[in-house]
Amino acid sequence: MSSSRAHETVGASLDETDRLLLARLAGDGRASYAEIGLQVNLSATAVRRRIDRLRARGVVRGFTVVLDPSVLGWQTEAFVEVYCRERTAPEEILASLRQFPEVVAAWTVTGDPDALVHLRAADMRHLEAVIERIRREPGVQRSRSSVVLSQLIG
């Protein structure tokens, strides 16, 4: 079964309670099962069972901390095109980039680069250090960076 068909099958098999539970979990991944249960009208035990099933099915792949770059004082921003060695899988790129808290977002893209990475850092020295660390990752061949001067929209 293709990846997109697998996603369609999982999406179709989620009931309204699962969707509500996932929305609450996405809003606050640290909420207790009891807190979520109150919001979706289930016991804490039932919420735990459902989350465990969703994790087993791959709907919930993990839990992470999302940092607010501005609170950390990370005002320097850049977009980095990452060019990888042949046969570097997107999963390898993801695993490499996940270790950097400065990575705000990352995408695989069409064209010459393999990935586009949005970074935030405290200053240019911090930004340079992060880019150099990314360039030293095993699958990365080279990178090209554009530093943000000002935000026009968004």
C-alpha atoms as a PDB file:
ATOM      1  CA  MET A   1       0.000   0.000   0.000  1.00  0.00           C
ATOM      2  CA  SER A   2       1.363   3.404  -0.919  1.00  0.00           C
ATOM      3  CA  SER A   3       2.171   5.943   1.794  1.00  0.00           C
ATOM      4  CA  SER A   4      -0.652   8.269   0.739  1.00  0.00           C
ATOM      5  CA  ARG A   5      -3.145   5.372   0.718  1.00  0.00           C
ATOM      6  CA  ALA A   6      -1.956   4.362   4.197  1.00  0.00           C
ATOM      7  CA  HIS A   7      -2.532   7.934   5.419  1.00  0.00           C
ATOM      8  CA  GLU A   8      -6.021   7.957   3.859  1.00  0.00           C
ATOM      9  CA  THR A   9      -6.844   4.654   5.597  1.00  0.00           C
ATOM     10  CA  VAL A  10      -5.663   5.904   9.002  1.00  0.00           C
ATOM     11  CA  GLY A  11      -7.481   9.238   8.561  1.00  0.00           C
ATOM     12  CA  ALA A  12     -10.682   7.492   7.589  1.00  0.00           C
ATOM     13  CA  SER A  13     -10.510   5.174  10.597  1.00  0.00           C
ATOM     14  CA  LEU A  14     -10.268   7.982  13.173  1.00  0.00           C
ATOM     15  CA  ASP A  15     -13.548   8.643  14.925  1.00  0.00           C
ATOM     16  CA  GLU A  16     -14.699  12.029  16.215  1.00  0.00           C
ATOM     17  CA  THR A  17     -13.423  11.259  19.732  1.00  0.00           C
ATOM     18  CA  ASP A  18      -9.958  10.413  18.342  1.00  0.00           C
ATOM     19  CA  ARG A  19      -9.954  13.681  16.401  1.00  0.00           C
ATOM     20  CA  LEU A  20     -10.927  15.683  19.501  1.00  0.00           C
ATOM     21  CA  LEU A  21      -8.329  13.873  21.590  1.00  0.00           C
ATOM     22  CA  LEU A  22      -5.630  14.593  18.984  1.00  0.00           C
ATOM     23  CA  ALA A  23      -6.633  18.261  18.813  1.00  0.00           C
ATOM     24  CA  ARG A  24      -6.363  18.586  22.614  1.00  0.00           C
ATOM     25  CA  LEU A  25      -3.051  16.711  22.620  1.00  0.00           C
ATOM     26  CA  ALA A  26      -1.676  18.918  19.824  1.00  0.00           C
ATOM     27  CA  GLY A  27      -2.702  22.009  21.770  1.00  0.00           C
ATOM     28  CA  ASP A  28      -1.000  20.853  24.966  1.00  0.00           C
ATOM     29  CA  GLY A  29       1.138  17.717  24.763  1.00  0.00           C
ATOM     30  CA  ARG A  30       1.756  17.877  28.508  1.00  0.00           C
ATOM     31  CA  ALA A  31      -1.922  17.773  29.477  1.00  0.00           C
ATOM     32  CA  SER A  32      -2.740  14.873  31.776  1.00  0.00           C
ATOM     33  CA  TYR A  33      -4.998  12.055  30.658  1.00  0.00           C
ATOM     34  CA  ALA A  34      -7.546  13.300  33.207  1.00  0.00           C
ATOM     35  CA  GLU A  35      -7.477  16.856  31.787  1.00  0.00           C
ATOM     36  CA  ILE A  36      -7.899  15.561  28.251  1.00  0.00           C
ATOM     37  CA  GLY A  37     -10.618  13.176  29.413  1.00  0.00           C
ATOM     38  CA  LEU A  38     -12.637  16.049  30.850  1.00  0.00           C
ATOM     39  CA  GLN A  39     -12.442  17.838  27.507  1.00  0.00           C
ATOM     40  CA  VAL A  40     -13.423  14.810  25.386  1.00  0.00           C
ATOM     41  CA  ASN A  41     -15.822  13.193  27.887  1.00  0.00           C
ATOM     42  CA  LEU A  42     -13.721  10.078  28.631  1.00  0.00           C
ATOM     43  CA  SER A  43     -12.063   8.650  31.722  1.00  0.00           C
ATOM     44  CA  ALA A  44      -8.304   9.095  32.108  1.00  0.00           C
ATOM     45  CA  THR A  45      -7.890   5.334  31.551  1.00  0.00           C
ATOM     46  CA  ALA A  46      -9.871   5.459  28.294  1.00  0.00           C
ATOM     47  CA  VAL A  47      -7.791   8.428  27.086  1.00  0.00           C
ATOM     48  CA  ARG A  48      -4.585   6.528  27.853  1.00  0.00           C
ATOM     49  CA  ARG A  49      -5.806   3.452  25.970  1.00  0.00           C
ATOM     50  CA  ARG A  50      -6.768   5.548  22.942  1.00  0.00           C
ATOM     51  CA  ILE A  51      -3.428   7.405  22.927  1.00  0.00           C
ATOM     52  CA  ASP A  52      -1.582   4.095  23.230  1.00  0.00           C
ATOM     53  CA  ARG A  53      -3.555   2.739  20.237  1.00  0.00           C
ATOM     54  CA  LEU A  54      -2.882   5.909  18.238  1.00  0.00           C
ATOM     55  CA  ARG A  55       0.831   5.601  18.999  1.00  0.00           C
ATOM     56  CA  ALA A  56       0.842   1.902  18.013  1.00  0.00           C
ATOM     57  CA  ARG A  57      -0.848   2.790  14.706  1.00  0.00           C
ATOM     58  CA  GLY A  58       1.691   5.553  14.019  1.00  0.00           C
ATOM     59  CA  VAL A  59      -0.856   8.378  14.212  1.00  0.00           C
ATOM     60  CA  VAL A  60       1.041   9.845  17.182  1.00  0.00           C
ATOM     61  CA  ARG A  61       4.739   9.515  16.379  1.00  0.00           C
ATOM     62  CA  GLY A  62       6.148  11.174  19.457  1.00  0.00           C
ATOM     63  CA  PHE A  63       6.074  14.090  21.824  1.00  0.00           C
ATOM     64  CA  THR A  64       8.380  17.064  21.624  1.00  0.00           C
ATOM     65  CA  VAL A  65       9.065  20.476  23.081  1.00  0.00           C
ATOM     66  CA  VAL A  66       8.433  23.475  20.830  1.00  0.00           C
ATOM     67  CA  LEU A  67      10.616  26.409  21.796  1.00  0.00           C
ATOM     68  CA  ASP A  68       9.595  30.028  21.286  1.00  0.00           C
ATOM     69  CA  PRO A  69      12.661  31.554  19.591  1.00  0.00           C
ATOM     70  CA  SER A  70      11.771  35.127  20.563  1.00  0.00           C
ATOM     71  CA  VAL A  71      11.613  34.234  24.274  1.00  0.00           C
ATOM     72  CA  LEU A  72      15.079  32.718  23.938  1.00  0.00           C
ATOM     73  CA  GLY A  73      16.297  35.938  22.339  1.00  0.00           C
ATOM     74  CA  TRP A  74      16.835  34.252  18.982  1.00  0.00           C
ATOM     75  CA  GLN A  75      16.213  37.247  16.708  1.00  0.00           C
ATOM     76  CA  THR A  76      18.549  36.259  13.862  1.00  0.00           C
ATOM     77  CA  GLU A  77      16.772  34.248  11.224  1.00  0.00           C
ATOM     78  CA  ALA A  78      17.887  32.383   8.095  1.00  0.00           C
ATOM     79  CA  PHE A  79      16.712  29.953   5.470  1.00  0.00           C
ATOM     80  CA  VAL A  80      19.264  27.287   4.612  1.00  0.00           C
ATOM     81  CA  GLU A  81      19.193  25.135   1.505  1.00  0.00           C
ATOM     82  CA  VAL A  82      20.690  21.757   2.370  1.00  0.00           C
ATOM     83  CA  TYR A  83      22.261  19.625  -0.357  1.00  0.00           C
ATOM     84  CA  CYS A  84      22.767  15.986   0.622  1.00  0.00           C
ATOM     85  CA  ARG A  85      24.877  13.144  -0.641  1.00  0.00           C
ATOM     86  CA  GLU A  86      23.223  10.699  -3.050  1.00  0.00           C
ATOM     87  CA  ARG A  87      20.623   8.394  -1.558  1.00  0.00           C
ATOM     88  CA  THR A  88      20.156  10.368   1.655  1.00  0.00           C
ATOM     89  CA  ALA A  89      16.617   9.516   2.702  1.00  0.00           C
ATOM     90  CA  PRO A  90      14.257  12.188   4.059  1.00  0.00           C
ATOM     91  CA  GLU A  91      14.178  10.234   7.338  1.00  0.00           C
ATOM     92  CA  GLU A  92      17.954  10.692   7.662  1.00  0.00           C
ATOM     93  CA  ILE A  93      17.642  14.420   7.010  1.00  0.00           C
ATOM     94  CA  LEU A  94      14.866  14.637   9.617  1.00  0.00           C
ATOM     95  CA  ALA A  95      16.903  12.718  12.194  1.00  0.00           C
ATOM     96  CA  SER A  96      19.874  15.039  11.634  1.00  0.00           C
ATOM     97  CA  LEU A  97      17.841  18.244  11.882  1.00  0.00           C
ATOM     98  CA  ARG A  98      15.774  17.216  14.913  1.00  0.00           C
ATOM     99  CA  GLN A  99      18.801  17.518  17.167  1.00  0.00           C
ATOM    100  CA  PHE A 100      19.039  21.284  16.566  1.00  0.00           C
ATOM    101  CA  PRO A 101      16.698  23.399  18.716  1.00  0.00           C
ATOM    102  CA  GLU A 102      17.434  26.335  16.391  1.00  0.00           C
ATOM    103  CA  VAL A 103      15.546  24.596  13.556  1.00  0.00           C
ATOM    104  CA  VAL A 104      12.111  26.213  13.416  1.00  0.00           C
ATOM    105  CA  ALA A 105      10.878  24.180  10.434  1.00  0.00           C
ATOM    106  CA  ALA A 106      12.244  22.068   7.611  1.00  0.00           C
ATOM    107  CA  TRP A 107      10.891  20.771   4.340  1.00  0.00           C
ATOM    108  CA  THR A 108      12.023  18.481   1.547  1.00  0.00           C
ATOM    109  CA  VAL A 109      11.739  20.430  -1.682  1.00  0.00           C
ATOM    110  CA  THR A 110      11.920  20.067  -5.446  1.00  0.00           C
ATOM    111  CA  GLY A 111      14.832  21.505  -7.377  1.00  0.00           C
ATOM    112  CA  ASP A 112      18.524  21.314  -6.580  1.00  0.00           C
ATOM    113  CA  PRO A 113      18.490  21.419  -2.755  1.00  0.00           C
ATOM    114  CA  ASP A 114      17.207  18.370  -0.892  1.00  0.00           C
ATOM    115  CA  ALA A 115      15.790  20.354   2.024  1.00  0.00           C
ATOM    116  CA  LEU A 116      14.957  23.891   3.056  1.00  0.00           C
ATOM    117  CA  VAL A 117      15.595  24.674   6.718  1.00  0.00           C
ATOM    118  CA  HIS A 118      14.303  27.668   8.678  1.00  0.00           C
ATOM    119  CA  LEU A 119      16.696  28.595  11.514  1.00  0.00           C
ATOM    120  CA  ARG A 120      16.592  31.060  14.404  1.00  0.00           C
ATOM    121  CA  ALA A 121      19.659  32.054  16.415  1.00  0.00           C
ATOM    122  CA  ALA A 122      20.726  34.651  18.969  1.00  0.00           C
ATOM    123  CA  ASP A 123      23.121  36.423  16.614  1.00  0.00           C
ATOM    124  CA  MET A 124      25.267  35.892  13.528  1.00  0.00           C
ATOM    125  CA  ARG A 125      27.942  33.984  15.448  1.00  0.00           C
ATOM    126  CA  HIS A 126      25.326  31.596  16.840  1.00  0.00           C
ATOM    127  CA  LEU A 127      23.774  31.225  13.368  1.00  0.00           C
ATOM    128  CA  GLU A 128      27.145  30.478  11.796  1.00  0.00           C
ATOM    129  CA  ALA A 129      27.881  27.831  14.436  1.00  0.00           C
ATOM    130  CA  VAL A 130      24.539  26.094  13.821  1.00  0.00           C
ATOM    131  CA  ILE A 131      25.011  26.119  10.049  1.00  0.00           C
ATOM    132  CA  GLU A 132      28.507  24.669  10.440  1.00  0.00           C
ATOM    133  CA  ARG A 133      27.155  21.910  12.721  1.00  0.00           C
ATOM    134  CA  ILE A 134      24.461  21.087  10.156  1.00  0.00           C
ATOM    135  CA  ARG A 135      27.094  20.965   7.397  1.00  0.00           C
ATOM    136  CA  ARG A 136      29.074  18.422   9.438  1.00  0.00           C
ATOM    137  CA  GLU A 137      26.121  16.000   9.542  1.00  0.00           C
ATOM    138  CA  PRO A 138      26.962  12.708   7.763  1.00  0.00           C
ATOM    139  CA  GLY A 139      24.481  13.025   4.861  1.00  0.00           C
ATOM    140  CA  VAL A 140      25.060  16.713   4.173  1.00  0.00           C
ATOM    141  CA  GLN A 141      27.303  17.662   1.272  1.00  0.00           C
ATOM    142  CA  ARG A 142      26.900  21.447   1.317  1.00  0.00           C
ATOM    143  CA  SER A 143      24.490  24.253   2.145  1.00  0.00           C
ATOM    144  CA  ARG A 144      23.508  27.705   0.946  1.00  0.00           C
ATOM    145  CA  SER A 145      22.078  30.273   3.348  1.00  0.00           C
ATOM    146  CA  SER A 146      19.944  33.385   3.117  1.00  0.00           C
ATOM    147  CA  VAL A 147      19.769  35.573   6.213  1.00  0.00           C
ATOM    148  CA  VAL A 148      16.447  37.324   6.826  1.00  0.00           C
ATOM    149  CA  LEU A 149      16.749  41.123   6.913  1.00  0.00           C
ATOM    150  CA  SER A 150      13.116  41.964   7.656  1.00  0.00           C
ATOM    151  CA  GLN A 151       9.757  40.254   7.566  1.00  0.00           C
ATOM    152  CA  LEU A 152       7.350  41.653   4.985  1.00  0.00           C
ATOM    153  CA  ILE A 153       4.311  39.398   5.509  1.00  0.00           C
ATOM    154  CA  GLY A 154       3.379  36.962   8.254  1.00  0.00           C
END
